[in-house]
N, C-alpha and C. Protein backbone atom coordinates (compact mmCIF):
# COMPACT_ATOMS: atom_id res chain seq x y z
N MET A 1 35.65 -25.78 47.60
CA MET A 1 35.85 -24.36 47.57
C MET A 1 35.83 -23.89 46.11
N ASN A 2 35.15 -22.80 45.86
CA ASN A 2 35.03 -22.25 44.52
C ASN A 2 36.12 -21.22 44.28
N THR A 3 36.97 -21.48 43.26
CA THR A 3 38.05 -20.57 42.97
C THR A 3 37.75 -19.65 41.80
N MET A 4 36.54 -19.73 41.26
CA MET A 4 36.13 -18.87 40.14
C MET A 4 35.87 -17.45 40.64
N PRO A 5 36.40 -16.46 39.91
CA PRO A 5 36.14 -15.08 40.34
C PRO A 5 34.68 -14.72 40.12
N LYS A 6 34.15 -13.90 40.97
CA LYS A 6 32.74 -13.48 40.86
C LYS A 6 32.69 -12.16 40.09
N HIS A 7 32.09 -12.21 38.90
CA HIS A 7 31.90 -11.03 38.08
C HIS A 7 30.40 -10.73 38.02
N GLY A 8 30.07 -9.55 37.59
CA GLY A 8 28.65 -9.14 37.49
C GLY A 8 27.87 -10.01 36.53
N TRP A 9 28.49 -10.42 35.44
CA TRP A 9 27.77 -11.22 34.43
C TRP A 9 28.55 -12.49 34.23
N GLN A 10 27.98 -13.59 34.60
CA GLN A 10 28.69 -14.86 34.56
C GLN A 10 28.25 -15.68 33.37
N VAL A 11 29.11 -16.60 32.96
CA VAL A 11 28.86 -17.41 31.77
C VAL A 11 27.59 -18.24 31.93
N HIS A 12 27.30 -18.73 33.11
CA HIS A 12 26.13 -19.58 33.27
C HIS A 12 24.83 -18.81 33.12
N SER A 13 24.87 -17.47 33.10
CA SER A 13 23.64 -16.71 32.90
C SER A 13 23.13 -16.83 31.48
N LEU A 14 23.99 -17.25 30.52
CA LEU A 14 23.53 -17.45 29.15
C LEU A 14 22.69 -18.72 29.00
N ASN A 15 22.62 -19.51 30.01
CA ASN A 15 21.77 -20.69 29.95
C ASN A 15 20.31 -20.35 30.15
N ARG A 16 20.05 -19.16 30.56
CA ARG A 16 18.66 -18.76 30.78
C ARG A 16 17.99 -18.48 29.44
N PRO A 17 16.75 -18.89 29.26
CA PRO A 17 16.06 -18.67 28.00
C PRO A 17 15.91 -17.19 27.62
N MET A 18 15.71 -16.34 28.58
CA MET A 18 15.52 -14.92 28.28
C MET A 18 16.80 -14.31 27.69
N ALA A 19 17.95 -14.76 28.16
CA ALA A 19 19.21 -14.25 27.61
C ALA A 19 19.35 -14.68 26.15
N TRP A 20 18.99 -15.89 25.84
CA TRP A 20 19.08 -16.37 24.46
C TRP A 20 18.09 -15.63 23.56
N ILE A 21 16.93 -15.38 24.07
CA ILE A 21 15.94 -14.62 23.29
C ILE A 21 16.48 -13.22 23.00
N GLY A 22 17.10 -12.59 23.99
CA GLY A 22 17.69 -11.29 23.81
C GLY A 22 18.79 -11.28 22.77
N VAL A 23 19.63 -12.31 22.80
CA VAL A 23 20.71 -12.41 21.81
C VAL A 23 20.13 -12.60 20.43
N MET A 24 19.09 -13.42 20.27
CA MET A 24 18.45 -13.64 18.98
C MET A 24 17.82 -12.36 18.45
N LEU A 25 17.12 -11.63 19.31
CA LEU A 25 16.49 -10.38 18.88
C LEU A 25 17.54 -9.35 18.44
N LEU A 26 18.60 -9.26 19.20
CA LEU A 26 19.66 -8.33 18.83
C LEU A 26 20.29 -8.73 17.49
N SER A 27 20.48 -10.02 17.26
CA SER A 27 21.03 -10.49 15.99
C SER A 27 20.11 -10.16 14.83
N MET A 28 18.80 -10.35 15.03
CA MET A 28 17.84 -10.03 13.97
C MET A 28 17.82 -8.52 13.67
N LEU A 29 17.88 -7.70 14.71
CA LEU A 29 17.91 -6.25 14.49
C LEU A 29 19.15 -5.83 13.72
N ILE A 30 20.27 -6.41 14.03
CA ILE A 30 21.50 -6.10 13.31
C ILE A 30 21.39 -6.55 11.86
N ALA A 31 20.85 -7.75 11.61
CA ALA A 31 20.70 -8.25 10.25
C ALA A 31 19.76 -7.37 9.43
N VAL A 32 18.62 -6.96 10.00
CA VAL A 32 17.68 -6.11 9.30
C VAL A 32 18.32 -4.74 9.03
N GLY A 33 19.03 -4.21 10.01
CA GLY A 33 19.71 -2.94 9.83
C GLY A 33 20.73 -2.98 8.71
N LEU A 34 21.50 -4.06 8.66
CA LEU A 34 22.49 -4.19 7.58
C LEU A 34 21.83 -4.33 6.21
N ALA A 35 20.71 -5.07 6.16
CA ALA A 35 20.00 -5.23 4.89
C ALA A 35 19.44 -3.90 4.40
N ARG A 36 18.85 -3.10 5.30
CA ARG A 36 18.31 -1.80 4.92
C ARG A 36 19.44 -0.84 4.52
N TRP A 37 20.54 -0.88 5.25
CA TRP A 37 21.66 0.01 4.95
C TRP A 37 22.29 -0.32 3.62
N SER A 38 22.28 -1.60 3.24
CA SER A 38 22.88 -2.00 1.97
C SER A 38 22.00 -1.68 0.77
N GLY A 39 20.75 -1.25 1.02
CA GLY A 39 19.85 -0.88 -0.07
C GLY A 39 19.00 -2.02 -0.58
N LEU A 40 18.93 -3.12 0.12
CA LEU A 40 18.14 -4.25 -0.28
C LEU A 40 16.67 -3.85 -0.33
N ASP A 41 16.00 -4.11 -1.45
CA ASP A 41 14.59 -3.77 -1.59
C ASP A 41 13.77 -5.06 -1.46
N PRO A 42 12.97 -5.19 -0.39
CA PRO A 42 12.24 -6.44 -0.14
C PRO A 42 11.01 -6.64 -1.03
N ARG A 43 10.63 -5.62 -1.79
CA ARG A 43 9.41 -5.75 -2.61
C ARG A 43 9.64 -6.63 -3.80
N THR A 44 8.60 -7.35 -4.17
CA THR A 44 8.62 -8.15 -5.38
C THR A 44 8.46 -7.22 -6.57
N PRO A 45 9.22 -7.41 -7.64
CA PRO A 45 9.05 -6.53 -8.80
C PRO A 45 7.63 -6.65 -9.38
N ASP A 46 7.15 -5.55 -9.92
CA ASP A 46 5.80 -5.51 -10.50
C ASP A 46 5.75 -6.36 -11.76
N ALA A 47 4.62 -7.05 -11.92
CA ALA A 47 4.38 -7.79 -13.17
C ALA A 47 4.02 -6.77 -14.25
N ALA A 48 4.02 -7.23 -15.46
CA ALA A 48 3.69 -6.35 -16.60
C ALA A 48 2.25 -5.84 -16.50
N VAL A 49 2.02 -4.67 -17.05
CA VAL A 49 0.68 -4.08 -17.03
C VAL A 49 -0.20 -4.81 -18.05
N GLN A 50 -1.34 -5.28 -17.60
CA GLN A 50 -2.30 -5.94 -18.50
C GLN A 50 -3.34 -4.95 -18.99
N TRP A 51 -3.80 -4.09 -18.08
CA TRP A 51 -4.76 -3.04 -18.45
C TRP A 51 -4.55 -1.84 -17.54
N GLN A 52 -5.00 -0.70 -18.00
CA GLN A 52 -4.87 0.52 -17.22
C GLN A 52 -6.06 1.41 -17.52
N ARG A 53 -6.52 2.09 -16.51
CA ARG A 53 -7.63 3.01 -16.68
C ARG A 53 -7.32 4.29 -15.92
N ASP A 54 -7.45 5.43 -16.61
CA ASP A 54 -7.22 6.74 -15.98
C ASP A 54 -8.55 7.24 -15.43
N LEU A 55 -8.62 7.43 -14.12
CA LEU A 55 -9.88 7.77 -13.47
C LEU A 55 -9.73 9.03 -12.61
N GLN A 56 -10.82 9.75 -12.55
CA GLN A 56 -10.91 10.90 -11.67
C GLN A 56 -12.04 10.65 -10.70
N PHE A 57 -11.83 10.94 -9.44
CA PHE A 57 -12.84 10.74 -8.40
C PHE A 57 -13.26 12.12 -7.90
N ARG A 58 -14.57 12.35 -7.91
CA ARG A 58 -15.09 13.67 -7.47
C ARG A 58 -16.13 13.50 -6.39
N ASP A 59 -16.02 14.35 -5.39
CA ASP A 59 -17.04 14.39 -4.34
C ASP A 59 -18.23 15.16 -4.89
N MET A 60 -19.40 14.59 -4.69
CA MET A 60 -20.64 15.25 -5.15
C MET A 60 -21.31 15.93 -3.95
N PRO A 61 -22.16 16.92 -4.19
CA PRO A 61 -22.82 17.63 -3.08
C PRO A 61 -23.66 16.68 -2.20
N SER A 62 -24.12 15.58 -2.77
CA SER A 62 -24.95 14.63 -2.00
C SER A 62 -24.08 13.75 -1.08
N GLY A 63 -22.75 13.87 -1.21
CA GLY A 63 -21.86 13.02 -0.40
C GLY A 63 -21.41 11.78 -1.14
N ASP A 64 -21.96 11.56 -2.32
CA ASP A 64 -21.55 10.42 -3.14
C ASP A 64 -20.21 10.71 -3.80
N ILE A 65 -19.59 9.67 -4.33
CA ILE A 65 -18.34 9.82 -5.08
C ILE A 65 -18.61 9.44 -6.53
N ALA A 66 -18.36 10.36 -7.44
CA ALA A 66 -18.51 10.10 -8.88
C ALA A 66 -17.15 9.70 -9.42
N VAL A 67 -17.16 8.68 -10.30
CA VAL A 67 -15.94 8.21 -10.93
C VAL A 67 -16.04 8.53 -12.42
N LEU A 68 -15.06 9.27 -12.93
CA LEU A 68 -15.05 9.65 -14.34
C LEU A 68 -13.88 9.02 -15.06
N ASP A 69 -14.16 8.55 -16.26
CA ASP A 69 -13.08 8.06 -17.14
C ASP A 69 -12.50 9.29 -17.81
N VAL A 70 -11.21 9.51 -17.61
CA VAL A 70 -10.57 10.73 -18.11
C VAL A 70 -10.56 10.76 -19.63
N ARG A 71 -10.41 9.62 -20.27
CA ARG A 71 -10.31 9.57 -21.73
C ARG A 71 -11.62 9.96 -22.41
N THR A 72 -12.72 9.51 -21.85
CA THR A 72 -14.02 9.81 -22.46
C THR A 72 -14.72 10.99 -21.81
N GLY A 73 -14.34 11.32 -20.57
CA GLY A 73 -15.02 12.38 -19.84
C GLY A 73 -16.35 11.96 -19.25
N GLN A 74 -16.71 10.70 -19.42
CA GLN A 74 -18.01 10.20 -18.95
C GLN A 74 -17.92 9.67 -17.52
N GLN A 75 -19.00 9.85 -16.78
CA GLN A 75 -19.10 9.24 -15.46
C GLN A 75 -19.34 7.74 -15.65
N VAL A 76 -18.49 6.93 -15.06
CA VAL A 76 -18.60 5.48 -15.25
C VAL A 76 -19.14 4.75 -14.02
N ALA A 77 -19.12 5.42 -12.87
CA ALA A 77 -19.63 4.79 -11.65
C ALA A 77 -19.93 5.88 -10.63
N GLN A 78 -20.74 5.50 -9.66
CA GLN A 78 -21.06 6.38 -8.56
C GLN A 78 -21.18 5.54 -7.31
N PHE A 79 -20.50 5.95 -6.25
CA PHE A 79 -20.50 5.22 -4.99
C PHE A 79 -21.28 6.03 -3.95
N SER A 80 -22.25 5.39 -3.35
CA SER A 80 -23.08 6.02 -2.31
C SER A 80 -22.82 5.35 -0.98
N GLY A 81 -23.15 6.05 0.04
CA GLY A 81 -23.04 5.46 1.39
C GLY A 81 -21.64 5.59 1.95
N GLU A 82 -21.35 4.75 2.93
CA GLU A 82 -20.12 4.87 3.69
C GLU A 82 -18.87 4.62 2.83
N GLN A 83 -18.79 3.48 2.17
CA GLN A 83 -17.66 3.15 1.28
C GLN A 83 -16.33 3.43 1.99
N GLY A 84 -16.14 2.83 3.14
CA GLY A 84 -14.97 3.11 3.97
C GLY A 84 -13.65 2.90 3.29
N PHE A 85 -13.46 1.75 2.62
CA PHE A 85 -12.17 1.49 1.99
C PHE A 85 -11.91 2.45 0.84
N LEU A 86 -12.89 2.65 0.00
CA LEU A 86 -12.74 3.57 -1.14
C LEU A 86 -12.39 4.98 -0.66
N ARG A 87 -13.14 5.46 0.31
CA ARG A 87 -12.89 6.82 0.80
C ARG A 87 -11.54 6.95 1.49
N SER A 88 -11.16 5.98 2.29
CA SER A 88 -9.87 6.08 3.00
C SER A 88 -8.69 5.98 2.03
N THR A 89 -8.82 5.17 0.98
CA THR A 89 -7.79 5.06 -0.03
C THR A 89 -7.61 6.37 -0.77
N LEU A 90 -8.72 6.94 -1.21
CA LEU A 90 -8.67 8.20 -1.92
C LEU A 90 -8.19 9.35 -1.02
N ARG A 91 -8.59 9.30 0.24
CA ARG A 91 -8.17 10.34 1.17
C ARG A 91 -6.65 10.30 1.38
N ALA A 92 -6.09 9.12 1.44
CA ALA A 92 -4.62 8.98 1.62
C ALA A 92 -3.89 9.60 0.42
N LEU A 93 -4.36 9.31 -0.78
CA LEU A 93 -3.72 9.86 -1.98
C LEU A 93 -3.95 11.39 -2.07
N ALA A 94 -5.14 11.83 -1.73
CA ALA A 94 -5.45 13.27 -1.79
C ALA A 94 -4.65 14.05 -0.75
N ARG A 95 -4.41 13.45 0.40
CA ARG A 95 -3.63 14.12 1.44
C ARG A 95 -2.20 14.38 0.95
N GLU A 96 -1.65 13.42 0.21
CA GLU A 96 -0.30 13.60 -0.32
C GLU A 96 -0.28 14.71 -1.37
N ARG A 97 -1.32 14.78 -2.19
CA ARG A 97 -1.42 15.88 -3.17
C ARG A 97 -1.51 17.22 -2.47
N GLN A 98 -2.28 17.29 -1.42
CA GLN A 98 -2.45 18.54 -0.68
C GLN A 98 -1.14 18.93 -0.02
N ARG A 99 -0.42 17.94 0.51
CA ARG A 99 0.87 18.21 1.16
C ARG A 99 1.86 18.81 0.16
N GLU A 100 1.77 18.40 -1.10
CA GLU A 100 2.68 18.91 -2.15
C GLU A 100 2.07 20.06 -2.94
N ASN A 101 0.93 20.59 -2.47
CA ASN A 101 0.25 21.71 -3.10
C ASN A 101 -0.09 21.44 -4.56
N LEU A 102 -0.61 20.28 -4.83
CA LEU A 102 -1.04 19.92 -6.20
C LEU A 102 -2.57 19.95 -6.27
N GLY A 103 -3.08 20.18 -7.45
CA GLY A 103 -4.52 20.22 -7.65
C GLY A 103 -5.16 18.83 -7.71
N LYS A 104 -6.48 18.84 -7.82
CA LYS A 104 -7.25 17.60 -7.86
C LYS A 104 -7.50 17.11 -9.28
N GLU A 105 -7.06 17.85 -10.28
CA GLU A 105 -7.43 17.56 -11.66
C GLU A 105 -6.75 16.34 -12.25
N ALA A 106 -5.52 16.07 -11.85
CA ALA A 106 -4.79 14.95 -12.45
C ALA A 106 -5.47 13.63 -12.11
N PRO A 107 -5.53 12.72 -13.07
CA PRO A 107 -6.21 11.44 -12.82
C PRO A 107 -5.34 10.50 -11.99
N PHE A 108 -6.01 9.52 -11.41
CA PHE A 108 -5.33 8.39 -10.76
C PHE A 108 -5.30 7.28 -11.80
N LEU A 109 -4.29 6.43 -11.73
CA LEU A 109 -4.20 5.29 -12.63
C LEU A 109 -4.58 4.03 -11.89
N LEU A 110 -5.59 3.34 -12.40
CA LEU A 110 -5.95 2.04 -11.88
C LEU A 110 -5.30 1.04 -12.81
N ILE A 111 -4.35 0.26 -12.30
CA ILE A 111 -3.53 -0.61 -13.12
C ILE A 111 -3.79 -2.08 -12.74
N GLY A 112 -4.12 -2.90 -13.72
CA GLY A 112 -4.23 -4.34 -13.54
C GLY A 112 -3.01 -5.01 -14.11
N ARG A 113 -2.44 -5.91 -13.38
CA ARG A 113 -1.19 -6.56 -13.80
C ARG A 113 -1.44 -8.00 -14.22
N THR A 114 -0.49 -8.56 -14.96
CA THR A 114 -0.65 -9.92 -15.49
C THR A 114 -0.71 -10.97 -14.40
N ASP A 115 -0.23 -10.69 -13.21
CA ASP A 115 -0.29 -11.66 -12.11
C ASP A 115 -1.57 -11.51 -11.29
N GLY A 116 -2.50 -10.65 -11.74
CA GLY A 116 -3.78 -10.50 -11.06
C GLY A 116 -3.79 -9.38 -10.02
N ARG A 117 -2.70 -8.77 -9.76
CA ARG A 117 -2.65 -7.70 -8.77
C ARG A 117 -3.13 -6.39 -9.38
N MET A 118 -3.61 -5.51 -8.51
CA MET A 118 -4.06 -4.19 -8.94
C MET A 118 -3.38 -3.11 -8.11
N THR A 119 -3.12 -2.01 -8.77
CA THR A 119 -2.46 -0.88 -8.11
C THR A 119 -3.22 0.38 -8.43
N LEU A 120 -3.44 1.22 -7.43
CA LEU A 120 -3.97 2.55 -7.65
C LEU A 120 -2.79 3.48 -7.47
N GLN A 121 -2.48 4.24 -8.52
CA GLN A 121 -1.27 5.06 -8.54
C GLN A 121 -1.61 6.49 -8.83
N ASP A 122 -0.91 7.38 -8.17
CA ASP A 122 -1.04 8.80 -8.42
C ASP A 122 0.24 9.28 -9.09
N PRO A 123 0.22 9.46 -10.42
CA PRO A 123 1.44 9.86 -11.12
C PRO A 123 1.96 11.24 -10.72
N SER A 124 1.12 12.10 -10.21
CA SER A 124 1.58 13.45 -9.85
C SER A 124 2.41 13.45 -8.57
N THR A 125 2.20 12.49 -7.66
CA THR A 125 2.99 12.43 -6.43
C THR A 125 3.91 11.21 -6.39
N GLY A 126 3.66 10.23 -7.24
CA GLY A 126 4.44 9.00 -7.21
C GLY A 126 3.95 8.00 -6.17
N GLN A 127 2.89 8.35 -5.45
CA GLN A 127 2.33 7.44 -4.45
C GLN A 127 1.56 6.32 -5.13
N ARG A 128 1.54 5.15 -4.49
CA ARG A 128 0.80 4.00 -5.02
C ARG A 128 0.26 3.19 -3.88
N ILE A 129 -0.84 2.54 -4.16
CA ILE A 129 -1.45 1.63 -3.18
C ILE A 129 -1.67 0.31 -3.88
N ASP A 130 -1.04 -0.72 -3.35
CA ASP A 130 -1.20 -2.07 -3.87
C ASP A 130 -2.48 -2.63 -3.26
N LEU A 131 -3.53 -2.69 -4.05
CA LEU A 131 -4.86 -2.97 -3.52
C LEU A 131 -5.04 -4.39 -3.00
N GLU A 132 -4.29 -5.35 -3.53
CA GLU A 132 -4.43 -6.72 -3.07
C GLU A 132 -3.99 -6.88 -1.62
N SER A 133 -3.25 -5.92 -1.10
CA SER A 133 -2.78 -5.97 0.29
C SER A 133 -3.92 -5.86 1.28
N PHE A 134 -5.05 -5.37 0.83
CA PHE A 134 -6.18 -5.14 1.73
C PHE A 134 -7.27 -6.20 1.64
N GLY A 135 -6.98 -7.28 0.95
CA GLY A 135 -7.93 -8.38 0.85
C GLY A 135 -8.81 -8.30 -0.38
N PRO A 136 -9.39 -9.46 -0.74
CA PRO A 136 -10.17 -9.52 -1.99
C PRO A 136 -11.44 -8.68 -1.98
N SER A 137 -12.11 -8.55 -0.86
CA SER A 137 -13.35 -7.78 -0.85
C SER A 137 -13.08 -6.29 -1.03
N ASN A 138 -12.00 -5.79 -0.46
CA ASN A 138 -11.64 -4.38 -0.64
C ASN A 138 -11.10 -4.14 -2.04
N ALA A 139 -10.30 -5.03 -2.56
CA ALA A 139 -9.77 -4.88 -3.92
C ALA A 139 -10.90 -4.94 -4.94
N ALA A 140 -11.96 -5.70 -4.65
CA ALA A 140 -13.09 -5.83 -5.56
C ALA A 140 -13.79 -4.50 -5.80
N VAL A 141 -13.74 -3.60 -4.84
CA VAL A 141 -14.34 -2.27 -5.01
C VAL A 141 -13.71 -1.58 -6.23
N PHE A 142 -12.39 -1.64 -6.31
CA PHE A 142 -11.70 -1.01 -7.43
C PHE A 142 -11.74 -1.89 -8.68
N ALA A 143 -11.77 -3.21 -8.51
CA ALA A 143 -11.83 -4.11 -9.67
C ALA A 143 -13.11 -3.87 -10.46
N SER A 144 -14.18 -3.47 -9.76
CA SER A 144 -15.45 -3.20 -10.47
C SER A 144 -15.32 -2.02 -11.42
N LEU A 145 -14.30 -1.20 -11.25
CA LEU A 145 -14.11 -0.02 -12.12
C LEU A 145 -13.39 -0.37 -13.43
N ARG A 146 -12.88 -1.58 -13.53
CA ARG A 146 -12.14 -1.94 -14.75
C ARG A 146 -13.02 -1.76 -15.97
N LEU A 147 -14.21 -2.31 -15.96
CA LEU A 147 -15.09 -2.26 -17.13
C LEU A 147 -16.31 -1.38 -16.92
N ALA A 148 -16.35 -0.65 -15.80
CA ALA A 148 -17.50 0.18 -15.52
C ALA A 148 -17.67 1.23 -16.61
N GLY A 149 -18.89 1.32 -17.13
CA GLY A 149 -19.21 2.32 -18.14
C GLY A 149 -18.89 1.94 -19.56
N TYR A 150 -18.21 0.81 -19.77
CA TYR A 150 -17.93 0.37 -21.14
C TYR A 150 -19.18 -0.22 -21.76
N LYS A 151 -19.40 0.10 -22.99
CA LYS A 151 -20.56 -0.45 -23.69
C LYS A 151 -20.06 -1.43 -24.72
N ALA A 152 -20.69 -2.59 -24.75
CA ALA A 152 -20.33 -3.64 -25.72
C ALA A 152 -20.72 -3.20 -27.12
N PRO A 153 -19.87 -3.45 -28.13
CA PRO A 153 -20.19 -3.03 -29.51
C PRO A 153 -21.31 -3.85 -30.12
């Protein structure tokens, strides 16, 4: 004869794998919530700046994108065709400028760091895109702008 009281949730129900999975997920959510609430920043600190280039990107009537070096005022590159990653990256930064009612004149900063990473930053909005996050072929689009238009002495 069983003398154990019958309750809605019994101890032996924790032996089920789904219950343990639920307990683990709940524990992880609580841990992540506490970490975010405490102000923990999961990002790795930026390495020192190795090089920087101030660039302006302009849409041309032909649909191409002209890249100008702000310091010299010279066009250093031109992108034709679809250029999906370049266009979507610039569109994301331009959308933030438009949201804050800022003009298109301020340059973007293309920053190369000592650890090999590259960042495209908009100083007027504070937005940044860490280009290495999108893979080497996409980052190479912007890496080609490092020395574009420079003439050897």
